[in-house]
Amino acid sequence: MRTNARPTRHLGVTLIELMVALAVSLIVVLAAMAALNVARQGFTVNDAASQLRENSRFITDLVQRLVVQTGFKDLAYSTTNRPTNVTGVVSNPPPVIYGKNNQSRTSSDAWDGGTDRVQGTVGYGSDILVLRFQPNSSSSTAGTADGSMINCNGESLTTPATSRDDYAISILHVGTDSDGEPALMCSSIPINSTTVTQTMLVRGVENFQVLYGVDSIGPANTSTAVSSASDIMPDRYLRADQLTVSGNLAATYFNWRRVRSVRVGLTLRSANGQSNDVSSASFYPFGLAADGSAGAVATAMGSSADPGTLGSAGTLFTDRRLRRSVTFTIHLRNSQGSCTSTGACPGP
């Protein structure tokens, strides 16, 4: 028996069904793009935070090594006392550690040079830290140092000192790179040289603060006599300008020789656009407590008189940068002696 089957009709989608499918697809794509954007932002933030932590570790390790070797004397001079009233021997040599408060420097500055910072400029409030040391020789007659001492560039120094007060110098300060970004800079001066070489160490350091732990002196001390209460421990922490006495080089150098430790505070920042948080925030490298503006005993924090440490101009930010504050303290290992205005310099 023969049957006539009618062909099956294949129907397409209606316009409404097509529009619904397109809408659902668009929602899926938008959701995927949002998830991808969140993931990308999270990666950017994590990467920036990781870079800030790595920069913090690098600066901490470098500054600790530089401060620990500060004041080191080569074998020929560390084992003998300083002669007095001898031609060629300075009666009041510069201290091995020195600093400037709220100042900047250029590559042509002398080792103790600096220029006052202007409010509103990059790095306002940042300090200068000067560290002096001698390369180490294997013997008192060695013609070449062993390279164990480094400058702030990380370079091993092989030229030995030729006289008692010859020092290689490392100077840490905040400058700007070619893009105008703040950076921790190194100005190094080789031993027996006046040539200053300036290089960038870490980009993104916009605040570099230094306080100095001193023994048995107060702010603006003008006496060059050692207190009977003197020991090797710091009594208080002072700013660089509280150790420097205008017009009195003997007292200034004496005060710097009373430094027993260094307290360093930094604020580091990432590139712009790496944070979604634009709320205002202030960063205090030394915290908010124990204001040391008067140099009271046991003060070891920032000062309301010091730009960049306690809520002064330049610490309030509303941009899209991640920031990180770092604080650490280093004790000096090598004795500085205590030269007086009469030329008496105990020790090497």
C-alpha atoms as a PDB file:
ATOM      1  CA  MET A   1       0.000   0.000   0.000  1.00  0.00           C
ATOM      2  CA  ARG A   2       1.369   3.356  -0.962  1.00  0.00           C
ATOM      3  CA  THR A   3       1.174   6.381   1.318  1.00  0.00           C
ATOM      4  CA  ASN A   4       1.930   9.988   0.467  1.00  0.00           C
ATOM      5  CA  ALA A   5       4.034  11.466   3.325  1.00  0.00           C
ATOM      6  CA  ARG A   6       4.053  15.191   3.602  1.00  0.00           C
ATOM      7  CA  PRO A   7       7.536  16.757   3.942  1.00  0.00           C
ATOM      8  CA  THR A   8       8.508  18.050   7.422  1.00  0.00           C
ATOM      9  CA  ARG A   9       8.698  21.825   7.634  1.00  0.00           C
ATOM     10  CA  HIS A  10      11.897  23.317   9.226  1.00  0.00           C
ATOM     11  CA  LEU A  11      11.033  26.548  10.992  1.00  0.00           C
ATOM     12  CA  GLY A  12      13.612  29.302  11.920  1.00  0.00           C
ATOM     13  CA  VAL A  13      13.699  31.499  15.037  1.00  0.00           C
ATOM     14  CA  THR A  14      11.497  34.455  15.385  1.00  0.00           C
ATOM     15  CA  LEU A  15      12.812  38.006  15.726  1.00  0.00           C
ATOM     16  CA  ILE A  16      11.868  38.043  19.415  1.00  0.00           C
ATOM     17  CA  GLU A  17      13.795  34.839  20.083  1.00  0.00           C
ATOM     18  CA  LEU A  18      16.824  36.283  18.276  1.00  0.00           C
ATOM     19  CA  MET A  19      16.720  39.456  20.340  1.00  0.00           C
ATOM     20  CA  VAL A  20      16.434  37.473  23.577  1.00  0.00           C
ATOM     21  CA  ALA A  21      19.431  35.324  22.581  1.00  0.00           C
ATOM     22  CA  LEU A  22      21.470  38.412  21.756  1.00  0.00           C
ATOM     23  CA  ALA A  23      20.562  40.027  25.078  1.00  0.00           C
ATOM     24  CA  VAL A  24      21.558  36.912  27.040  1.00  0.00           C
ATOM     25  CA  SER A  25      24.849  36.685  25.108  1.00  0.00           C
ATOM     26  CA  LEU A  26      25.563  40.344  25.787  1.00  0.00           C
ATOM     27  CA  ILE A  27      24.976  39.860  29.507  1.00  0.00           C
ATOM     28  CA  VAL A  28      27.372  36.895  29.554  1.00  0.00           C
ATOM     29  CA  VAL A  29      30.037  38.903  27.683  1.00  0.00           C
ATOM     30  CA  LEU A  30      29.646  41.898  29.995  1.00  0.00           C
ATOM     31  CA  ALA A  31      29.890  39.668  33.061  1.00  0.00           C
ATOM     32  CA  ALA A  32      33.021  38.034  31.668  1.00  0.00           C
ATOM     33  CA  MET A  33      34.572  41.433  30.900  1.00  0.00           C
ATOM     34  CA  ALA A  34      33.763  42.694  34.399  1.00  0.00           C
ATOM     35  CA  ALA A  35      35.330  39.608  35.954  1.00  0.00           C
ATOM     36  CA  LEU A  36      38.407  40.031  33.748  1.00  0.00           C
ATOM     37  CA  ASN A  37      38.692  43.711  34.686  1.00  0.00           C
ATOM     38  CA  VAL A  38      38.445  42.917  38.405  1.00  0.00           C
ATOM     39  CA  ALA A  39      41.089  40.227  38.023  1.00  0.00           C
ATOM     40  CA  ARG A  40      43.338  42.624  36.104  1.00  0.00           C
ATOM     41  CA  GLN A  41      42.942  45.340  38.736  1.00  0.00           C
ATOM     42  CA  GLY A  42      43.669  42.838  41.471  1.00  0.00           C
ATOM     43  CA  PHE A  43      46.817  41.718  39.671  1.00  0.00           C
ATOM     44  CA  THR A  44      47.929  45.348  39.210  1.00  0.00           C
ATOM     45  CA  VAL A  45      47.414  46.149  42.894  1.00  0.00           C
ATOM     46  CA  ASN A  46      49.171  42.979  44.055  1.00  0.00           C
ATOM     47  CA  ASP A  47      52.065  43.586  41.675  1.00  0.00           C
ATOM     48  CA  ALA A  48      52.450  47.200  42.842  1.00  0.00           C
ATOM     49  CA  ALA A  49      52.261  46.175  46.513  1.00  0.00           C
ATOM     50  CA  SER A  50      54.861  43.465  45.917  1.00  0.00           C
ATOM     51  CA  GLN A  51      57.156  45.966  44.228  1.00  0.00           C
ATOM     52  CA  LEU A  52      56.818  48.383  47.149  1.00  0.00           C
ATOM     53  CA  ARG A  53      57.705  45.599  49.599  1.00  0.00           C
ATOM     54  CA  GLU A  54      60.720  44.613  47.503  1.00  0.00           C
ATOM     55  CA  ASN A  55      61.906  48.229  47.285  1.00  0.00           C
ATOM     56  CA  SER A  56      61.470  48.545  51.054  1.00  0.00           C
ATOM     57  CA  ARG A  57      63.593  45.458  51.684  1.00  0.00           C
ATOM     58  CA  PHE A  58      66.300  46.653  49.300  1.00  0.00           C
ATOM     59  CA  ILE A  59      66.538  50.091  50.917  1.00  0.00           C
ATOM     60  CA  THR A  60      66.533  48.625  54.422  1.00  0.00           C
ATOM     61  CA  ASP A  61      69.308  46.146  53.634  1.00  0.00           C
ATOM     62  CA  LEU A  62      71.444  48.739  51.840  1.00  0.00           C
ATOM     63  CA  VAL A  63      71.118  51.472  54.463  1.00  0.00           C
ATOM     64  CA  GLN A  64      71.778  49.011  57.288  1.00  0.00           C
ATOM     65  CA  ARG A  65      75.015  47.864  55.671  1.00  0.00           C
ATOM     66  CA  LEU A  66      76.148  51.424  54.938  1.00  0.00           C
ATOM     67  CA  VAL A  67      75.444  52.630  58.482  1.00  0.00           C
ATOM     68  CA  VAL A  68      77.119  49.607  60.084  1.00  0.00           C
ATOM     69  CA  GLN A  69      80.352  50.248  58.157  1.00  0.00           C
ATOM     70  CA  THR A  70      80.243  53.999  58.924  1.00  0.00           C
ATOM     71  CA  GLY A  71      83.317  55.142  60.816  1.00  0.00           C
ATOM     72  CA  PHE A  72      85.330  52.051  59.910  1.00  0.00           C
ATOM     73  CA  LYS A  73      89.087  52.712  59.923  1.00  0.00           C
ATOM     74  CA  ASP A  74      91.734  50.742  58.142  1.00  0.00           C
ATOM     75  CA  LEU A  75      94.123  48.606  60.160  1.00  0.00           C
ATOM     76  CA  ALA A  76      96.951  51.150  60.025  1.00  0.00           C
ATOM     77  CA  TYR A  77      94.819  53.774  61.810  1.00  0.00           C
ATOM     78  CA  SER A  78      92.444  51.740  63.958  1.00  0.00           C
ATOM     79  CA  THR A  79      95.316  50.222  65.954  1.00  0.00           C
ATOM     80  CA  THR A  80      97.049  53.533  66.744  1.00  0.00           C
ATOM     81  CA  ASN A  81      95.908  56.605  68.656  1.00  0.00           C
ATOM     82  CA  ARG A  82      95.488  59.923  66.927  1.00  0.00           C
ATOM     83  CA  PRO A  83      98.582  62.130  67.275  1.00  0.00           C
ATOM     84  CA  THR A  84      98.023  65.695  68.524  1.00  0.00           C
ATOM     85  CA  ASN A  85      99.701  68.902  67.349  1.00  0.00           C
ATOM     86  CA  VAL A  86     101.333  67.158  64.403  1.00  0.00           C
ATOM     87  CA  THR A  87     101.583  68.779  60.980  1.00  0.00           C
ATOM     88  CA  GLY A  88      99.142  67.174  58.566  1.00  0.00           C
ATOM     89  CA  VAL A  89      96.840  65.760  61.256  1.00  0.00           C
ATOM     90  CA  VAL A  90      93.588  67.687  61.531  1.00  0.00           C
ATOM     91  CA  SER A  91      92.753  68.645  65.112  1.00  0.00           C
ATOM     92  CA  ASN A  92      88.982  68.668  64.527  1.00  0.00           C
ATOM     93  CA  PRO A  93      88.220  66.312  61.626  1.00  0.00           C
ATOM     94  CA  PRO A  94      84.688  66.076  60.191  1.00  0.00           C
ATOM     95  CA  PRO A  95      82.465  63.450  61.834  1.00  0.00           C
ATOM     96  CA  VAL A  96      81.851  60.118  60.135  1.00  0.00           C
ATOM     97  CA  ILE A  97      78.078  60.645  60.138  1.00  0.00           C
ATOM     98  CA  TYR A  98      76.370  63.869  59.190  1.00  0.00           C
ATOM     99  CA  GLY A  99      73.038  65.075  57.875  1.00  0.00           C
ATOM    100  CA  LYS A 100      70.866  67.900  56.621  1.00  0.00           C
ATOM    101  CA  ASN A 101      67.217  68.416  57.515  1.00  0.00           C
ATOM    102  CA  ASN A 102      64.685  69.154  54.733  1.00  0.00           C
ATOM    103  CA  GLN A 103      67.377  69.768  52.115  1.00  0.00           C
ATOM    104  CA  SER A 104      68.225  68.605  48.600  1.00  0.00           C
ATOM    105  CA  ARG A 105      71.559  68.387  46.836  1.00  0.00           C
ATOM    106  CA  THR A 106      73.068  68.357  43.368  1.00  0.00           C
ATOM    107  CA  SER A 107      75.953  66.383  41.895  1.00  0.00           C
ATOM    108  CA  SER A 108      78.237  69.421  42.241  1.00  0.00           C
ATOM    109  CA  ASP A 109      77.735  69.826  46.001  1.00  0.00           C
ATOM    110  CA  ALA A 110      80.523  69.220  48.491  1.00  0.00           C
ATOM    111  CA  TRP A 111      80.100  66.275  50.858  1.00  0.00           C
ATOM    112  CA  ASP A 112      78.274  68.512  53.377  1.00  0.00           C
ATOM    113  CA  GLY A 113      76.371  70.588  50.801  1.00  0.00           C
ATOM    114  CA  GLY A 114      72.632  71.045  50.622  1.00  0.00           C
ATOM    115  CA  THR A 115      69.851  73.424  49.600  1.00  0.00           C
ATOM    116  CA  ASP A 116      66.656  74.143  51.533  1.00  0.00           C
ATOM    117  CA  ARG A 117      63.608  72.494  49.968  1.00  0.00           C
ATOM    118  CA  VAL A 118      60.641  74.596  48.853  1.00  0.00           C
ATOM    119  CA  GLN A 119      57.168  73.599  50.009  1.00  0.00           C
ATOM    120  CA  GLY A 120      55.137  71.994  47.236  1.00  0.00           C
ATOM    121  CA  THR A 121      58.132  70.583  45.384  1.00  0.00           C
ATOM    122  CA  VAL A 122      58.881  66.886  44.948  1.00  0.00           C
ATOM    123  CA  GLY A 123      60.570  65.448  48.026  1.00  0.00           C
ATOM    124  CA  TYR A 124      59.658  68.347  50.305  1.00  0.00           C
ATOM    125  CA  GLY A 125      60.597  67.524  53.889  1.00  0.00           C
ATOM    126  CA  SER A 126      63.166  64.860  52.918  1.00  0.00           C
ATOM    127  CA  ASP A 127      66.602  64.800  54.545  1.00  0.00           C
ATOM    128  CA  ILE A 128      70.203  64.120  53.539  1.00  0.00           C
ATOM    129  CA  LEU A 129      72.267  61.380  55.216  1.00  0.00           C
ATOM    130  CA  VAL A 130      76.071  61.460  54.882  1.00  0.00           C
ATOM    131  CA  LEU A 131      78.120  58.355  55.797  1.00  0.00           C
ATOM    132  CA  ARG A 132      81.960  58.271  55.813  1.00  0.00           C
ATOM    133  CA  PHE A 133      84.228  55.214  56.077  1.00  0.00           C
ATOM    134  CA  GLN A 134      87.599  53.807  55.019  1.00  0.00           C
ATOM    135  CA  PRO A 135      88.075  50.750  52.784  1.00  0.00           C
ATOM    136  CA  ASN A 136      89.558  47.704  54.490  1.00  0.00           C
ATOM    137  CA  SER A 137      93.077  46.470  53.751  1.00  0.00           C
ATOM    138  CA  SER A 138      94.400  43.043  54.634  1.00  0.00           C
ATOM    139  CA  SER A 139      97.517  44.509  56.246  1.00  0.00           C
ATOM    140  CA  SER A 140      98.931  47.874  57.330  1.00  0.00           C
ATOM    141  CA  THR A 141     101.171  47.986  54.252  1.00  0.00           C
ATOM    142  CA  ALA A 142      98.695  46.713  51.649  1.00  0.00           C
ATOM    143  CA  GLY A 143      98.501  48.747  48.459  1.00  0.00           C
ATOM    144  CA  THR A 144      94.967  47.619  47.635  1.00  0.00           C
ATOM    145  CA  ALA A 145      91.862  47.291  49.790  1.00  0.00           C
ATOM    146  CA  ASP A 146      90.071  43.949  49.877  1.00  0.00           C
ATOM    147  CA  GLY A 147      86.790  45.220  48.389  1.00  0.00           C
ATOM    148  CA  SER A 148      84.666  44.273  51.413  1.00  0.00           C
ATOM    149  CA  MET A 149      83.524  47.875  51.886  1.00  0.00           C
ATOM    150  CA  ILE A 150      80.938  49.197  49.434  1.00  0.00           C
ATOM    151  CA  ASN A 151      79.585  52.625  48.611  1.00  0.00           C
ATOM    152  CA  CYS A 152      75.884  53.418  48.256  1.00  0.00           C
ATOM    153  CA  ASN A 153      76.011  52.266  44.623  1.00  0.00           C
ATOM    154  CA  GLY A 154      76.984  48.789  45.828  1.00  0.00           C
ATOM    155  CA  GLU A 155      80.458  49.126  44.322  1.00  0.00           C
ATOM    156  CA  SER A 156      83.364  47.449  46.131  1.00  0.00           C
ATOM    157  CA  LEU A 157      86.129  49.905  47.005  1.00  0.00           C
ATOM    158  CA  THR A 158      89.708  48.821  46.424  1.00  0.00           C
ATOM    159  CA  THR A 159      91.655  52.063  46.992  1.00  0.00           C
ATOM    160  CA  PRO A 160      93.010  52.229  50.557  1.00  0.00           C
ATOM    161  CA  ALA A 161      93.313  55.334  52.718  1.00  0.00           C
ATOM    162  CA  THR A 162      96.642  57.130  52.514  1.00  0.00           C
ATOM    163  CA  SER A 163      96.159  59.230  55.649  1.00  0.00           C
ATOM    164  CA  ARG A 164      94.236  59.008  58.906  1.00  0.00           C
ATOM    165  CA  ASP A 165      91.324  61.203  57.848  1.00  0.00           C
ATOM    166  CA  ASP A 166      90.816  59.982  54.274  1.00  0.00           C
ATOM    167  CA  TYR A 167      87.284  58.665  53.840  1.00  0.00           C
ATOM    168  CA  ALA A 168      85.074  57.341  51.090  1.00  0.00           C
ATOM    169  CA  ILE A 169      81.653  58.972  51.330  1.00  0.00           C
ATOM    170  CA  SER A 170      78.124  57.741  50.609  1.00  0.00           C
ATOM    171  CA  ILE A 171      75.319  60.316  50.579  1.00  0.00           C
ATOM    172  CA  LEU A 172      71.637  59.327  50.520  1.00  0.00           C
ATOM    173  CA  HIS A 173      68.988  61.866  49.535  1.00  0.00           C
ATOM    174  CA  VAL A 174      65.783  62.283  47.525  1.00  0.00           C
ATOM    175  CA  GLY A 175      65.960  63.611  43.981  1.00  0.00           C
ATOM    176  CA  THR A 176      63.985  63.186  40.765  1.00  0.00           C
ATOM    177  CA  ASP A 177      64.435  60.886  37.788  1.00  0.00           C
ATOM    178  CA  SER A 178      64.123  61.837  34.123  1.00  0.00           C
ATOM    179  CA  ASP A 179      60.304  61.666  34.378  1.00  0.00           C
ATOM    180  CA  GLY A 180      60.145  63.925  37.415  1.00  0.00           C
ATOM    181  CA  GLU A 181      59.346  61.034  39.759  1.00  0.00           C
ATOM    182  CA  PRO A 182      60.861  61.178  43.265  1.00  0.00           C
ATOM    183  CA  ALA A 183      63.661  58.683  43.867  1.00  0.00           C
ATOM    184  CA  LEU A 184      66.203  57.764  46.509  1.00  0.00           C
ATOM    185  CA  MET A 185      69.532  58.904  45.117  1.00  0.00           C
ATOM    186  CA  CYS A 186      73.120  57.968  45.903  1.00  0.00           C
ATOM    187  CA  SER A 187      75.923  60.511  45.678  1.00  0.00           C
ATOM    188  CA  SER A 188      79.246  58.736  46.170  1.00  0.00           C
ATOM    189  CA  ILE A 189      82.694  60.270  46.587  1.00  0.00           C
ATOM    190  CA  PRO A 190      85.701  57.920  46.277  1.00  0.00           C
ATOM    191  CA  ILE A 191      88.528  58.079  48.759  1.00  0.00           C
ATOM    192  CA  ASN A 192      91.123  60.794  48.053  1.00  0.00           C
ATOM    193  CA  SER A 193      88.748  62.404  45.564  1.00  0.00           C
ATOM    194  CA  THR A 194      86.346  65.334  45.254  1.00  0.00           C
ATOM    195  CA  THR A 195      84.416  63.865  42.305  1.00  0.00           C
ATOM    196  CA  VAL A 196      80.743  63.312  43.119  1.00  0.00           C
ATOM    197  CA  THR A 197      78.910  60.557  41.204  1.00  0.00           C
ATOM    198  CA  GLN A 198      75.119  60.625  41.505  1.00  0.00           C
ATOM    199  CA  THR A 199      72.899  57.676  40.592  1.00  0.00           C
ATOM    200  CA  MET A 200      69.314  56.614  41.260  1.00  0.00           C
ATOM    201  CA  LEU A 201      68.792  53.731  43.686  1.00  0.00           C
ATOM    202  CA  VAL A 202      65.019  53.289  43.998  1.00  0.00           C
ATOM    203  CA  ARG A 203      62.255  55.083  42.159  1.00  0.00           C
ATOM    204  CA  GLY A 204      59.151  56.197  44.039  1.00  0.00           C
ATOM    205  CA  VAL A 205      60.723  57.336  47.345  1.00  0.00           C
ATOM    206  CA  GLU A 206      58.980  60.625  48.077  1.00  0.00           C
ATOM    207  CA  ASN A 207      59.844  61.040  51.762  1.00  0.00           C
ATOM    208  CA  PHE A 208      63.193  60.192  53.414  1.00  0.00           C
ATOM    209  CA  GLN A 209      63.445  61.056  57.093  1.00  0.00           C
ATOM    210  CA  VAL A 210      66.396  60.589  59.442  1.00  0.00           C
ATOM    211  CA  LEU A 211      66.600  61.028  63.216  1.00  0.00           C
ATOM    212  CA  TYR A 212      69.823  60.595  65.169  1.00  0.00           C
ATOM    213  CA  GLY A 213      70.080  58.846  68.531  1.00  0.00           C
ATOM    214  CA  VAL A 214      72.534  60.865  70.619  1.00  0.00           C
ATOM    215  CA  ASP A 215      74.299  60.225  73.891  1.00  0.00           C
ATOM    216  CA  SER A 216      74.509  62.784  76.719  1.00  0.00           C
ATOM    217  CA  ILE A 217      73.667  65.943  74.733  1.00  0.00           C
ATOM    218  CA  GLY A 218      70.518  67.937  74.043  1.00  0.00           C
ATOM    219  CA  PRO A 219      69.349  70.028  71.081  1.00  0.00           C
ATOM    220  CA  ALA A 220      71.689  72.823  69.932  1.00  0.00           C
ATOM    221  CA  ASN A 221      74.349  71.766  72.432  1.00  0.00           C
ATOM    222  CA  THR A 222      77.317  74.184  72.484  1.00  0.00           C
ATOM    223  CA  SER A 223      79.509  72.373  74.993  1.00  0.00           C
ATOM    224  CA  THR A 224      82.427  70.233  73.840  1.00  0.00           C
ATOM    225  CA  ALA A 225      82.885  68.496  77.175  1.00  0.00           C
ATOM    226  CA  VAL A 226      81.826  64.880  77.587  1.00  0.00           C
ATOM    227  CA  SER A 227      79.165  64.353  80.245  1.00  0.00           C
ATOM    228  CA  SER A 228      79.963  62.069  83.155  1.00  0.00           C
ATOM    229  CA  ALA A 229      76.709  60.246  82.335  1.00  0.00           C
ATOM    230  CA  SER A 230      77.958  59.372  78.858  1.00  0.00           C
ATOM    231  CA  ASP A 231      77.633  55.785  77.683  1.00  0.00           C
ATOM    232  CA  ILE A 232      77.212  54.022  74.368  1.00  0.00           C
ATOM    233  CA  MET A 233      73.397  54.159  74.326  1.00  0.00           C
ATOM    234  CA  PRO A 234      71.264  56.943  72.801  1.00  0.00           C
ATOM    235  CA  ASP A 235      69.241  59.041  75.259  1.00  0.00           C
ATOM    236  CA  ARG A 236      67.024  60.763  72.695  1.00  0.00           C
ATOM    237  CA  TYR A 237      66.576  61.199  68.965  1.00  0.00           C
ATOM    238  CA  LEU A 238      67.231  64.576  67.344  1.00  0.00           C
ATOM    239  CA  ARG A 239      66.933  66.087  63.877  1.00  0.00           C
ATOM    240  CA  ALA A 240      69.997  67.106  61.902  1.00  0.00           C
ATOM    241  CA  ASP A 241      69.285  70.807  62.446  1.00  0.00           C
ATOM    242  CA  GLN A 242      69.248  70.206  66.211  1.00  0.00           C
ATOM    243  CA  LEU A 243      72.824  68.896  66.062  1.00  0.00           C
ATOM    244  CA  THR A 244      74.240  71.662  63.894  1.00  0.00           C
ATOM    245  CA  VAL A 245      75.197  74.902  65.679  1.00  0.00           C
ATOM    246  CA  SER A 246      75.510  77.849  63.311  1.00  0.00           C
ATOM    247  CA  GLY A 247      78.925  79.537  63.496  1.00  0.00           C
ATOM    248  CA  ASN A 248      80.320  76.927  65.900  1.00  0.00           C
ATOM    249  CA  LEU A 249      82.065  74.166  63.966  1.00  0.00           C
ATOM    250  CA  ALA A 250      83.696  72.667  67.056  1.00  0.00           C
ATOM    251  CA  ALA A 251      80.335  72.191  68.809  1.00  0.00           C
ATOM    252  CA  THR A 252      78.678  70.983  65.594  1.00  0.00           C
ATOM    253  CA  TYR A 253      81.272  68.276  64.987  1.00  0.00           C
ATOM    254  CA  PHE A 254      81.247  67.341  68.679  1.00  0.00           C
ATOM    255  CA  ASN A 255      77.468  66.869  68.583  1.00  0.00           C
ATOM    256  CA  TRP A 256      77.641  64.648  65.520  1.00  0.00           C
ATOM    257  CA  ARG A 257      80.241  62.479  67.240  1.00  0.00           C
ATOM    258  CA  ARG A 258      77.693  61.795  69.968  1.00  0.00           C
ATOM    259  CA  VAL A 259      75.426  59.971  67.491  1.00  0.00           C
ATOM    260  CA  ARG A 260      75.019  56.329  68.490  1.00  0.00           C
ATOM    261  CA  SER A 261      72.164  55.177  66.244  1.00  0.00           C
ATOM    262  CA  VAL A 262      70.140  56.240  63.232  1.00  0.00           C
ATOM    263  CA  ARG A 263      66.366  56.008  62.858  1.00  0.00           C
ATOM    264  CA  VAL A 264      65.229  56.033  59.221  1.00  0.00           C
ATOM    265  CA  GLY A 265      61.686  56.551  57.966  1.00  0.00           C
ATOM    266  CA  LEU A 266      60.528  56.463  54.348  1.00  0.00           C
ATOM    267  CA  THR A 267      57.361  56.782  52.329  1.00  0.00           C
ATOM    268  CA  LEU A 268      57.398  54.915  49.024  1.00  0.00           C
ATOM    269  CA  ARG A 269      54.811  55.179  46.265  1.00  0.00           C
ATOM    270  CA  SER A 270      53.819  53.184  43.199  1.00  0.00           C
ATOM    271  CA  ALA A 271      53.178  54.479  39.698  1.00  0.00           C
ATOM    272  CA  ASN A 272      49.968  56.455  39.247  1.00  0.00           C
ATOM    273  CA  GLY A 273      46.757  54.567  38.476  1.00  0.00           C
ATOM    274  CA  GLN A 274      47.632  51.406  40.424  1.00  0.00           C
ATOM    275  CA  SER A 275      45.094  51.971  43.173  1.00  0.00           C
ATOM    276  CA  ASN A 276      41.338  52.469  42.915  1.00  0.00           C
ATOM    277  CA  ASP A 277      41.160  54.187  46.289  1.00  0.00           C
ATOM    278  CA  VAL A 278      41.216  57.976  45.897  1.00  0.00           C
ATOM    279  CA  SER A 279      40.261  58.817  49.475  1.00  0.00           C
ATOM    280  CA  SER A 280      42.661  61.190  51.225  1.00  0.00           C
ATOM    281  CA  ALA A 281      45.350  59.653  53.404  1.00  0.00           C
ATOM    282  CA  SER A 282      48.408  60.822  55.334  1.00  0.00           C
ATOM    283  CA  PHE A 283      51.569  58.792  55.888  1.00  0.00           C
ATOM    284  CA  TYR A 284      53.815  59.318  58.904  1.00  0.00           C
ATOM    285  CA  PRO A 285      57.143  57.465  58.720  1.00  0.00           C
ATOM    286  CA  PHE A 286      57.735  57.891  62.463  1.00  0.00           C
ATOM    287  CA  GLY A 287      54.154  57.638  63.674  1.00  0.00           C
ATOM    288  CA  LEU A 288      52.088  60.230  65.522  1.00  0.00           C
ATOM    289  CA  ALA A 289      53.228  59.780  69.116  1.00  0.00           C
ATOM    290  CA  ALA A 290      56.207  61.053  71.116  1.00  0.00           C
ATOM    291  CA  ASP A 291      56.657  64.415  69.396  1.00  0.00           C
ATOM    292  CA  GLY A 292      60.393  65.128  69.488  1.00  0.00           C
ATOM    293  CA  SER A 293      60.293  68.814  68.493  1.00  0.00           C
ATOM    294  CA  ALA A 294      61.932  69.843  71.781  1.00  0.00           C
ATOM    295  CA  GLY A 295      64.360  66.921  71.847  1.00  0.00           C
ATOM    296  CA  ALA A 296      63.085  65.596  75.160  1.00  0.00           C
ATOM    297  CA  VAL A 297      64.711  62.518  76.652  1.00  0.00           C
ATOM    298  CA  ALA A 298      63.412  59.229  75.213  1.00  0.00           C
ATOM    299  CA  THR A 299      61.833  60.827  72.141  1.00  0.00           C
ATOM    300  CA  ALA A 300      62.310  58.643  69.075  1.00  0.00           C
ATOM    301  CA  MET A 301      59.517  59.679  66.752  1.00  0.00           C
ATOM    302  CA  GLY A 302      58.723  62.518  64.391  1.00  0.00           C
ATOM    303  CA  SER A 303      58.320  66.195  65.128  1.00  0.00           C
ATOM    304  CA  SER A 304      55.627  68.715  64.298  1.00  0.00           C
ATOM    305  CA  ALA A 305      58.491  71.110  63.553  1.00  0.00           C
ATOM    306  CA  ASP A 306      59.857  68.811  60.853  1.00  0.00           C
ATOM    307  CA  PRO A 307      58.205  68.898  57.402  1.00  0.00           C
ATOM    308  CA  GLY A 308      57.161  65.467  56.234  1.00  0.00           C
ATOM    309  CA  THR A 309      56.993  63.636  59.563  1.00  0.00           C
ATOM    310  CA  LEU A 310      53.902  64.701  61.513  1.00  0.00           C
ATOM    311  CA  GLY A 311      51.068  65.893  59.341  1.00  0.00           C
ATOM    312  CA  SER A 312      53.054  68.655  57.668  1.00  0.00           C
ATOM    313  CA  ALA A 313      52.420  69.768  54.093  1.00  0.00           C
ATOM    314  CA  GLY A 314      53.160  67.078  51.562  1.00  0.00           C
ATOM    315  CA  THR A 315      51.841  64.092  53.540  1.00  0.00           C
ATOM    316  CA  LEU A 316      48.168  64.296  52.439  1.00  0.00           C
ATOM    317  CA  PHE A 317      47.486  62.363  49.228  1.00  0.00           C
ATOM    318  CA  THR A 318      44.384  61.939  47.072  1.00  0.00           C
ATOM    319  CA  ASP A 319      45.883  60.364  43.947  1.00  0.00           C
ATOM    320  CA  ARG A 320      45.620  56.775  42.685  1.00  0.00           C
ATOM    321  CA  ARG A 321      48.967  55.505  43.967  1.00  0.00           C
ATOM    322  CA  LEU A 322      49.725  52.799  46.478  1.00  0.00           C
ATOM    323  CA  ARG A 323      51.986  53.913  49.312  1.00  0.00           C
ATOM    324  CA  ARG A 324      53.979  52.220  52.030  1.00  0.00           C
ATOM    325  CA  SER A 325      55.735  53.631  55.090  1.00  0.00           C
ATOM    326  CA  VAL A 326      58.894  51.961  56.372  1.00  0.00           C
ATOM    327  CA  THR A 327      60.735  52.642  59.636  1.00  0.00           C
ATOM    328  CA  PHE A 328      63.868  51.005  61.045  1.00  0.00           C
ATOM    329  CA  THR A 329      66.660  51.798  63.489  1.00  0.00           C
ATOM    330  CA  ILE A 330      70.364  50.981  63.120  1.00  0.00           C
ATOM    331  CA  HIS A 331      73.028  51.208  65.803  1.00  0.00           C
ATOM    332  CA  LEU A 332      76.484  52.395  64.793  1.00  0.00           C
ATOM    333  CA  ARG A 333      79.093  49.703  65.223  1.00  0.00           C
ATOM    334  CA  ASN A 334      82.274  51.796  65.076  1.00  0.00           C
ATOM    335  CA  SER A 335      83.327  54.325  67.708  1.00  0.00           C
ATOM    336  CA  GLN A 336      83.576  57.950  66.622  1.00  0.00           C
ATOM    337  CA  GLY A 337      85.686  59.248  69.485  1.00  0.00           C
ATOM    338  CA  SER A 338      84.938  62.634  71.073  1.00  0.00           C
ATOM    339  CA  CYS A 339      87.239  65.361  69.785  1.00  0.00           C
ATOM    340  CA  THR A 340      87.044  68.635  71.709  1.00  0.00           C
ATOM    341  CA  SER A 341      87.630  72.229  70.668  1.00  0.00           C
ATOM    342  CA  THR A 342      91.170  72.043  72.024  1.00  0.00           C
ATOM    343  CA  GLY A 343      92.100  69.317  69.541  1.00  0.00           C
ATOM    344  CA  ALA A 344      91.996  66.388  71.935  1.00  0.00           C
ATOM    345  CA  CYS A 345      90.590  63.415  69.960  1.00  0.00           C
ATOM    346  CA  PRO A 346      90.591  60.155  71.958  1.00  0.00           C
ATOM    347  CA  GLY A 347      90.735  56.971  69.968  1.00  0.00           C
ATOM    348  CA  PRO A 348      91.747  56.615  66.320  1.00  0.00           C
END
